[in-house]
C-alpha atoms as a PDB file:
ATOM      1  CA  MET A   1      14.545 113.539 -30.061  1.00  0.00           C
ATOM      2  CA  GLN A   2      12.979 110.906 -31.565  1.00  0.00           C
ATOM      3  CA  ALA A   3      13.329 107.047 -28.842  1.00  0.00           C
ATOM      4  CA  ASP A   4      15.415 104.177 -30.175  1.00  0.00           C
ATOM      5  CA  THR A   5      12.872 101.229 -29.872  1.00  0.00           C
ATOM      6  CA  ASP A   6      15.383  99.164 -32.024  1.00  0.00           C
ATOM      7  CA  ILE A   7      15.785  96.471 -29.138  1.00  0.00           C
ATOM      8  CA  PHE A   8      19.186  95.281 -30.895  1.00  0.00           C
ATOM      9  CA  SER A   9      20.038  98.162 -31.299  1.00  0.00           C
ATOM     10  CA  ARG A  10      23.484  98.592 -29.419  1.00  0.00           C
ATOM     11  CA  VAL A  11      24.207  95.194 -29.982  1.00  0.00           C
ATOM     12  CA  ARG A  12      23.653  95.714 -33.894  1.00  0.00           C
ATOM     13  CA  LEU A  13      26.219  99.007 -32.690  1.00  0.00           C
ATOM     14  CA  LEU A  14      28.586  97.349 -31.294  1.00  0.00           C
ATOM     15  CA  LEU A  15      29.383  93.653 -34.249  1.00  0.00           C
ATOM     16  CA  GLY A  16      27.438  95.182 -36.737  1.00  0.00           C
ATOM     17  CA  GLU A  17      24.434  94.314 -39.733  1.00  0.00           C
ATOM     18  CA  GLU A  18      25.871  91.053 -40.498  1.00  0.00           C
ATOM     19  CA  ALA A  19      26.667  89.881 -37.236  1.00  0.00           C
ATOM     20  CA  LEU A  20      23.148  90.090 -36.140  1.00  0.00           C
ATOM     21  CA  ARG A  21      22.118  88.537 -39.149  1.00  0.00           C
ATOM     22  CA  ARG A  22      24.002  85.353 -37.978  1.00  0.00           C
ATOM     23  CA  ILE A  23      23.206  85.161 -34.606  1.00  0.00           C
ATOM     24  CA  GLY A  24      19.849  85.709 -35.123  1.00  0.00           C
ATOM     25  CA  SER A  25      19.782  82.984 -38.080  1.00  0.00           C
ATOM     26  CA  ARG A  26      21.017  80.379 -36.097  1.00  0.00           C
ATOM     27  CA  LYS A  27      19.328  77.229 -34.109  1.00  0.00           C
ATOM     28  CA  VAL A  28      19.678  76.304 -30.156  1.00  0.00           C
ATOM     29  CA  ILE A  29      18.807  73.927 -27.605  1.00  0.00           C
ATOM     30  CA  LEU A  30      19.206  73.924 -24.457  1.00  0.00           C
ATOM     31  CA  PHE A  31      19.556  71.551 -21.901  1.00  0.00           C
ATOM     32  CA  GLY A  32      18.366  71.972 -18.305  1.00  0.00           C
ATOM     33  CA  CYS A  33      17.299  75.038 -17.435  1.00  0.00           C
ATOM     34  CA  GLY A  34      18.666  75.786 -13.665  1.00  0.00           C
ATOM     35  CA  GLY A  35      20.969  78.270 -12.346  1.00  0.00           C
ATOM     36  CA  VAL A  36      23.188  77.852 -15.776  1.00  0.00           C
ATOM     37  CA  GLY A  37      21.384  77.702 -18.465  1.00  0.00           C
ATOM     38  CA  SER A  38      17.914  80.047 -17.545  1.00  0.00           C
ATOM     39  CA  TRP A  39      20.785  82.941 -17.329  1.00  0.00           C
ATOM     40  CA  CYS A  40      22.522  82.059 -20.222  1.00  0.00           C
ATOM     41  CA  ALA A  41      19.175  81.549 -22.484  1.00  0.00           C
ATOM     42  CA  ASP A  42      17.798  84.597 -21.596  1.00  0.00           C
ATOM     43  CA  SER A  43      21.863  86.017 -22.755  1.00  0.00           C
ATOM     44  CA  LEU A  44      21.388  84.451 -26.371  1.00  0.00           C
ATOM     45  CA  VAL A  45      17.758  85.903 -26.346  1.00  0.00           C
ATOM     46  CA  ARG A  46      18.807  89.861 -25.362  1.00  0.00           C
ATOM     47  CA  SER A  47      21.687  88.995 -27.841  1.00  0.00           C
ATOM     48  CA  GLY A  48      19.643  88.730 -30.693  1.00  0.00           C
ATOM     49  CA  VAL A  49      18.724  84.612 -30.981  1.00  0.00           C
ATOM     50  CA  LEU A  50      15.626  84.326 -32.556  1.00  0.00           C
ATOM     51  CA  ASP A  51      15.303  80.046 -32.478  1.00  0.00           C
ATOM     52  CA  ILE A  52      16.033  78.392 -29.180  1.00  0.00           C
ATOM     53  CA  THR A  53      14.620  74.815 -28.306  1.00  0.00           C
ATOM     54  CA  LEU A  54      14.636  74.936 -23.751  1.00  0.00           C
ATOM     55  CA  VAL A  55      14.332  70.981 -22.573  1.00  0.00           C
ATOM     56  CA  ASP A  56      14.015  70.092 -18.974  1.00  0.00           C
ATOM     57  CA  GLY A  57      11.595  67.776 -17.172  1.00  0.00           C
ATOM     58  CA  ASP A  58      11.734  69.706 -13.962  1.00  0.00           C
ATOM     59  CA  VAL A  59       9.079  72.100 -12.726  1.00  0.00           C
ATOM     60  CA  VAL A  60       9.571  75.625 -10.315  1.00  0.00           C
ATOM     61  CA  GLY A  61      10.267  75.206  -6.489  1.00  0.00           C
ATOM     62  CA  PRO A  62      10.730  77.705  -3.653  1.00  0.00           C
ATOM     63  CA  THR A  63      14.367  75.966  -3.348  1.00  0.00           C
ATOM     64  CA  ASN A  64      15.316  77.593  -6.810  1.00  0.00           C
ATOM     65  CA  ILE A  65      14.433  80.867  -6.360  1.00  0.00           C
ATOM     66  CA  ASN A  66      17.986  81.823  -5.328  1.00  0.00           C
ATOM     67  CA  ARG A  67      19.351  81.416  -8.409  1.00  0.00           C
ATOM     68  CA  GLN A  68      17.696  80.548 -11.500  1.00  0.00           C
ATOM     69  CA  LEU A  69      16.483  83.409 -13.792  1.00  0.00           C
ATOM     70  CA  MET A  70      12.647  82.849 -13.811  1.00  0.00           C
ATOM     71  CA  ALA A  71      12.022  80.968 -10.595  1.00  0.00           C
ATOM     72  CA  THR A  72       9.842  83.144  -8.455  1.00  0.00           C
ATOM     73  CA  THR A  73       7.121  82.738  -5.800  1.00  0.00           C
ATOM     74  CA  LEU A  74       4.980  83.882  -8.367  1.00  0.00           C
ATOM     75  CA  THR A  75       5.931  80.881 -10.990  1.00  0.00           C
ATOM     76  CA  ILE A  76       6.170  78.161  -8.228  1.00  0.00           C
ATOM     77  CA  GLY A  77       5.534  74.529  -9.537  1.00  0.00           C
ATOM     78  CA  GLN A  78       5.402  76.045 -13.587  1.00  0.00           C
ATOM     79  CA  PRO A  79       7.391  73.576 -15.194  1.00  0.00           C
ATOM     80  CA  LYS A  80      10.678  76.020 -15.516  1.00  0.00           C
ATOM     81  CA  VAL A  81      10.817  75.688 -19.549  1.00  0.00           C
ATOM     82  CA  GLU A  82       7.183  76.642 -19.596  1.00  0.00           C
ATOM     83  CA  ALA A  83       8.303  79.794 -16.809  1.00  0.00           C
ATOM     84  CA  LEU A  84      11.519  80.843 -18.931  1.00  0.00           C
ATOM     85  CA  ARG A  85      10.077  80.443 -22.530  1.00  0.00           C
ATOM     86  CA  ALA A  86       7.136  83.001 -20.417  1.00  0.00           C
ATOM     87  CA  HIS A  87      10.293  85.624 -19.182  1.00  0.00           C
ATOM     88  CA  LEU A  88      11.809  85.114 -22.790  1.00  0.00           C
ATOM     89  CA  LEU A  89       8.763  85.891 -25.094  1.00  0.00           C
ATOM     90  CA  SER A  90       8.196  89.326 -22.444  1.00  0.00           C
ATOM     91  CA  ILE A  91      12.107  90.291 -24.145  1.00  0.00           C
ATOM     92  CA  ASN A  92      11.322  89.117 -28.016  1.00  0.00           C
ATOM     93  CA  PRO A  93       7.976  88.154 -28.555  1.00  0.00           C
ATOM     94  CA  SER A  94       9.178  87.864 -31.784  1.00  0.00           C
ATOM     95  CA  ALA A  95      11.631  85.021 -30.652  1.00  0.00           C
ATOM     96  CA  ARG A  96      11.016  80.940 -31.637  1.00  0.00           C
ATOM     97  CA  ILE A  97      11.079  79.406 -28.698  1.00  0.00           C
ATOM     98  CA  SER A  98       9.962  75.741 -27.876  1.00  0.00           C
ATOM     99  CA  THR A  99       9.972  74.287 -24.862  1.00  0.00           C
ATOM    100  CA  ARG A 100      11.165  70.136 -24.451  1.00  0.00           C
ATOM    101  CA  GLU A 101       9.406  69.081 -20.686  1.00  0.00           C
ATOM    102  CA  ALA A 102      10.792  66.120 -20.909  1.00  0.00           C
ATOM    103  CA  LEU A 103      14.257  65.041 -19.182  1.00  0.00           C
ATOM    104  CA  PHE A 104      17.454  64.230 -21.605  1.00  0.00           C
ATOM    105  CA  SER A 105      18.428  60.137 -20.806  1.00  0.00           C
ATOM    106  CA  ALA A 106      19.500  57.955 -22.603  1.00  0.00           C
ATOM    107  CA  GLU A 107      16.252  56.679 -23.697  1.00  0.00           C
ATOM    108  CA  THR A 108      14.696  59.541 -24.281  1.00  0.00           C
ATOM    109  CA  ALA A 109      17.610  60.952 -26.875  1.00  0.00           C
ATOM    110  CA  ALA A 110      16.395  59.864 -30.274  1.00  0.00           C
ATOM    111  CA  SER A 111      13.820  62.125 -29.638  1.00  0.00           C
ATOM    112  CA  PHE A 112      16.036  64.745 -29.609  1.00  0.00           C
ATOM    113  CA  PRO A 113      17.354  65.346 -33.684  1.00  0.00           C
ATOM    114  CA  LEU A 114      20.754  66.678 -32.094  1.00  0.00           C
ATOM    115  CA  ASP A 115      22.057  67.442 -36.466  1.00  0.00           C
ATOM    116  CA  ASP A 116      18.772  69.932 -36.721  1.00  0.00           C
ATOM    117  CA  TYR A 117      20.585  72.205 -34.008  1.00  0.00           C
ATOM    118  CA  ASP A 118      23.946  74.703 -35.033  1.00  0.00           C
ATOM    119  CA  TYR A 119      24.578  75.122 -31.013  1.00  0.00           C
ATOM    120  CA  VAL A 120      24.422  72.402 -28.193  1.00  0.00           C
ATOM    121  CA  ILE A 121      23.999  73.512 -24.842  1.00  0.00           C
ATOM    122  CA  ASP A 122      25.251  71.460 -22.003  1.00  0.00           C
ATOM    123  CA  CYS A 123      23.730  72.902 -18.838  1.00  0.00           C
ATOM    124  CA  ILE A 124      22.798  69.191 -16.970  1.00  0.00           C
ATOM    125  CA  ASP A 125      22.826  68.491 -13.287  1.00  0.00           C
ATOM    126  CA  SER A 126      23.077  63.976 -13.867  1.00  0.00           C
ATOM    127  CA  LEU A 127      26.376  62.570 -14.056  1.00  0.00           C
ATOM    128  CA  LYS A 128      24.883  59.554 -16.536  1.00  0.00           C
ATOM    129  CA  ASP A 129      22.896  61.680 -18.403  1.00  0.00           C
ATOM    130  CA  LYS A 130      25.500  64.588 -18.712  1.00  0.00           C
ATOM    131  CA  ILE A 131      27.634  61.617 -20.412  1.00  0.00           C
ATOM    132  CA  THR A 132      25.294  60.550 -22.965  1.00  0.00           C
ATOM    133  CA  LEU A 133      24.490  64.675 -23.745  1.00  0.00           C
ATOM    134  CA  LEU A 134      27.864  65.249 -24.578  1.00  0.00           C
ATOM    135  CA  GLU A 135      29.240  61.747 -26.056  1.00  0.00           C
ATOM    136  CA  LEU A 136      25.755  62.063 -28.859  1.00  0.00           C
ATOM    137  CA  ALA A 137      26.335  66.072 -29.060  1.00  0.00           C
ATOM    138  CA  SER A 138      30.197  65.889 -29.649  1.00  0.00           C
ATOM    139  CA  HIS A 139      29.297  63.999 -32.579  1.00  0.00           C
ATOM    140  CA  SER A 140      26.375  65.724 -34.279  1.00  0.00           C
ATOM    141  CA  ARG A 141      26.883  68.796 -36.412  1.00  0.00           C
ATOM    142  CA  ALA A 142      26.424  70.933 -33.982  1.00  0.00           C
ATOM    143  CA  ALA A 143      28.674  73.128 -31.823  1.00  0.00           C
ATOM    144  CA  LEU A 144      28.505  72.000 -28.551  1.00  0.00           C
ATOM    145  CA  PHE A 145      29.733  73.789 -25.257  1.00  0.00           C
ATOM    146  CA  SER A 146      29.354  72.396 -21.328  1.00  0.00           C
ATOM    147  CA  SER A 147      29.111  73.574 -17.959  1.00  0.00           C
ATOM    148  CA  MET A 148      30.505  72.227 -15.747  1.00  0.00           C
ATOM    149  CA  GLY A 149      29.598  72.791 -11.367  1.00  0.00           C
ATOM    150  CA  ALA A 150      28.169  75.851  -9.875  1.00  0.00           C
ATOM    151  CA  ALA A 151      28.036  75.214  -6.992  1.00  0.00           C
ATOM    152  CA  LEU A 152      30.230  75.097  -3.296  1.00  0.00           C
ATOM    153  CA  LYS A 153      31.111  78.450  -5.128  1.00  0.00           C
ATOM    154  CA  ILE A 154      31.088  82.018  -3.843  1.00  0.00           C
ATOM    155  CA  ASP A 155      33.674  84.214  -6.329  1.00  0.00           C
ATOM    156  CA  PRO A 156      33.035  84.721  -9.796  1.00  0.00           C
ATOM    157  CA  THR A 157      36.118  86.372 -10.648  1.00  0.00           C
ATOM    158  CA  ARG A 158      37.333  82.486 -10.803  1.00  0.00           C
ATOM    159  CA  VAL A 159      35.460  81.012 -13.418  1.00  0.00           C
ATOM    160  CA  ARG A 160      37.396  79.718 -15.965  1.00  0.00           C
ATOM    161  CA  VAL A 161      36.788  78.034 -20.020  1.00  0.00           C
ATOM    162  CA  ALA A 162      39.065  75.390 -20.723  1.00  0.00           C
ATOM    163  CA  GLU A 163      38.605  72.663 -23.291  1.00  0.00           C
ATOM    164  CA  PHE A 164      36.676  69.219 -21.903  1.00  0.00           C
ATOM    165  CA  TRP A 165      40.037  66.741 -21.549  1.00  0.00           C
ATOM    166  CA  GLU A 166      41.992  70.143 -19.849  1.00  0.00           C
ATOM    167  CA  VAL A 167      40.043  71.136 -17.742  1.00  0.00           C
ATOM    168  CA  HIS A 168      41.283  70.673 -14.160  1.00  0.00           C
ATOM    169  CA  GLY A 169      40.309  71.309 -10.371  1.00  0.00           C
ATOM    170  CA  ASP A 170      37.329  70.976 -10.651  1.00  0.00           C
ATOM    171  CA  PRO A 171      35.309  67.744  -9.820  1.00  0.00           C
ATOM    172  CA  LEU A 172      32.591  67.099 -12.006  1.00  0.00           C
ATOM    173  CA  ALA A 173      34.959  66.907 -14.646  1.00  0.00           C
ATOM    174  CA  ARG A 174      36.890  64.864 -13.137  1.00  0.00           C
ATOM    175  CA  ALA A 175      34.342  62.433 -12.421  1.00  0.00           C
ATOM    176  CA  LEU A 176      32.659  62.914 -16.500  1.00  0.00           C
ATOM    177  CA  ARG A 177      35.903  61.869 -18.000  1.00  0.00           C
ATOM    178  CA  LYS A 178      36.290  58.951 -14.584  1.00  0.00           C
ATOM    179  CA  LYS A 179      33.285  57.284 -15.927  1.00  0.00           C
ATOM    180  CA  MET A 180      33.432  57.508 -19.452  1.00  0.00           C
ATOM    181  CA  ARG A 181      37.293  55.859 -19.700  1.00  0.00           C
ATOM    182  CA  GLN A 182      35.076  53.261 -17.134  1.00  0.00           C
ATOM    183  CA  GLU A 183      32.990  52.258 -19.582  1.00  0.00           C
ATOM    184  CA  GLY A 184      34.876  53.094 -23.232  1.00  0.00           C
ATOM    185  CA  ARG A 185      32.879  55.822 -24.257  1.00  0.00           C
ATOM    186  CA  LYS A 186      33.837  58.476 -26.156  1.00  0.00           C
ATOM    187  CA  THR A 187      34.138  62.050 -27.099  1.00  0.00           C
ATOM    188  CA  GLY A 188      34.023  63.732 -31.028  1.00  0.00           C
ATOM    189  CA  LYS A 189      34.906  67.218 -32.362  1.00  0.00           C
ATOM    190  CA  GLN A 190      36.841  68.961 -29.263  1.00  0.00           C
ATOM    191  CA  PHE A 191      34.210  71.161 -27.495  1.00  0.00           C
ATOM    192  CA  LEU A 192      34.889  74.231 -24.663  1.00  0.00           C
ATOM    193  CA  CYS A 193      33.726  74.274 -20.437  1.00  0.00           C
ATOM    194  CA  VAL A 194      32.692  76.777 -18.511  1.00  0.00           C
ATOM    195  CA  TYR A 195      33.972  75.258 -14.744  1.00  0.00           C
ATOM    196  CA  SER A 196      35.906  77.277 -11.195  1.00  0.00           C
ATOM    197  CA  GLU A 197      38.714  75.195  -9.704  1.00  0.00           C
ATOM    198  CA  GLU A 198      36.968  77.316  -6.767  1.00  0.00           C
ATOM    199  CA  LEU A 199      35.474  74.274  -4.155  1.00  0.00           C
ATOM    200  CA  LEU A 200      33.766  75.489  -0.807  1.00  0.00           C
ATOM    201  CA  GLU A 201      32.218  73.337   1.683  1.00  0.00           C
ATOM    202  CA  ASN A 202      28.632  73.824   2.739  1.00  0.00           C
ATOM    203  CA  ARG A 203      28.448  75.687   6.294  1.00  0.00           C
ATOM    204  CA  GLY A 204      24.526  74.345   7.327  1.00  0.00           C
ATOM    205  CA  GLU A 205      22.823  71.806   8.257  1.00  0.00           C
ATOM    206  CA  ALA A 206      22.665  68.982   5.488  1.00  0.00           C
ATOM    207  CA  ILE A 207      19.476  68.592   3.421  1.00  0.00           C
ATOM    208  CA  ASP A 208      18.181  64.968   2.704  1.00  0.00           C
ATOM    209  CA  PRO A 209      18.395  64.508  -1.060  1.00  0.00           C
ATOM    210  CA  SER A 210      14.929  62.251  -0.676  1.00  0.00           C
ATOM    211  CA  LEU A 211      12.883  65.785   0.456  1.00  0.00           C
ATOM    212  CA  ASP A 212      13.265  67.293  -3.071  1.00  0.00           C
ATOM    213  CA  GLU A 213      10.659  67.194  -5.259  1.00  0.00           C
ATOM    214  CA  SER A 214      12.527  67.151  -8.858  1.00  0.00           C
ATOM    215  CA  PRO A 215      12.334  64.847 -10.777  1.00  0.00           C
ATOM    216  CA  ILE A 216      16.321  64.939 -11.248  1.00  0.00           C
ATOM    217  CA  LYS A 217      17.869  62.757  -8.130  1.00  0.00           C
ATOM    218  CA  LYS A 218      20.654  63.344  -6.344  1.00  0.00           C
ATOM    219  CA  ALA A 219      22.748  62.310  -4.170  1.00  0.00           C
ATOM    220  CA  VAL A 220      23.924  65.122  -2.169  1.00  0.00           C
ATOM    221  CA  VAL A 221      22.617  68.600  -1.814  1.00  0.00           C
ATOM    222  CA  ASN A 222      25.319  71.769  -2.255  1.00  0.00           C
ATOM    223  CA  GLY A 223      24.342  75.245  -1.847  1.00  0.00           C
ATOM    224  CA  THR A 224      24.615  77.784  -4.254  1.00  0.00           C
ATOM    225  CA  LEU A 225      24.063  81.405  -5.417  1.00  0.00           C
ATOM    226  CA  SER A 226      23.243  82.943  -8.656  1.00  0.00           C
ATOM    227  CA  VAL A 227      26.222  84.992  -8.582  1.00  0.00           C
ATOM    228  CA  VAL A 228      28.125  82.549 -10.077  1.00  0.00           C
ATOM    229  CA  THR A 229      25.521  80.269 -11.563  1.00  0.00           C
ATOM    230  CA  ALA A 230      24.710  83.174 -14.045  1.00  0.00           C
ATOM    231  CA  THR A 231      28.408  83.767 -14.597  1.00  0.00           C
ATOM    232  CA  PHE A 232      27.950  80.218 -15.376  1.00  0.00           C
ATOM    233  CA  GLY A 233      25.250  81.034 -17.779  1.00  0.00           C
ATOM    234  CA  HIS A 234      26.907  84.202 -19.096  1.00  0.00           C
ATOM    235  CA  THR A 235      29.694  82.995 -20.259  1.00  0.00           C
ATOM    236  CA  LEU A 236      28.287  79.787 -22.281  1.00  0.00           C
ATOM    237  CA  ALA A 237      26.948  82.599 -23.800  1.00  0.00           C
ATOM    238  CA  SER A 238      29.787  84.731 -25.254  1.00  0.00           C
ATOM    239  CA  LEU A 239      31.054  81.925 -25.789  1.00  0.00           C
ATOM    240  CA  VAL A 240      28.244  80.888 -28.622  1.00  0.00           C
ATOM    241  CA  LEU A 241      27.796  84.416 -29.707  1.00  0.00           C
ATOM    242  CA  ARG A 242      31.728  84.180 -30.513  1.00  0.00           C
ATOM    243  CA  ASP A 243      31.420  81.358 -32.165  1.00  0.00           C
ATOM    244  CA  MET A 244      28.380  82.462 -34.058  1.00  0.00           C
ATOM    245  CA  ILE A 245      30.449  86.187 -35.589  1.00  0.00           C
ATOM    246  CA  ALA A 246      33.454  84.251 -35.861  1.00  0.00           C
END
């Protein structure tokens, strides 16, 4: 019996040829290639997405290894976008994986032509930069999907999906909406978010955020597990895929 060498044969079997063609024709830009974004990108490429732009200004560090797909002892020091790109091309060498080793912010936003894409996926950690992306992307032609906070959680069965203004029990979503109201900033079209109401406390010794070499500075460092961050990423990918074939 001859081996099946078609890497998308099971996708085609489940969804059909036309759906696979649509998936392969869409352009995606993903902001944030960490614990959520890296798994989302992996799922999309394994499902037939061929055109993805990866955006992240950080490099792989030892503390990323517990939850980020491309983070290993062999990739420490590499730009996250390049390490993830190499991984994705090992899945499908024919994929068009573009990279931007940069942080998305109000200052750099104009350099990202969001209207050129069919899908914008938000996995940004920074509050102010996330607000900027959500505001701009929700007014663009692209469909937008966003991840809320995946830290301080251990139960992947509690991961949920809701429209941004209907997310409840997530501190990040609450902080985003509060700041947007204070600044008079508004979203455009509605968009779905992945979140969880679970919220645990750190049990280990506090980590000084100033010791983190990442360009994304945080007020506090929270514990995370890949069982949850990966579930967030896979759920985001599912939302995108289902929209592509709808």
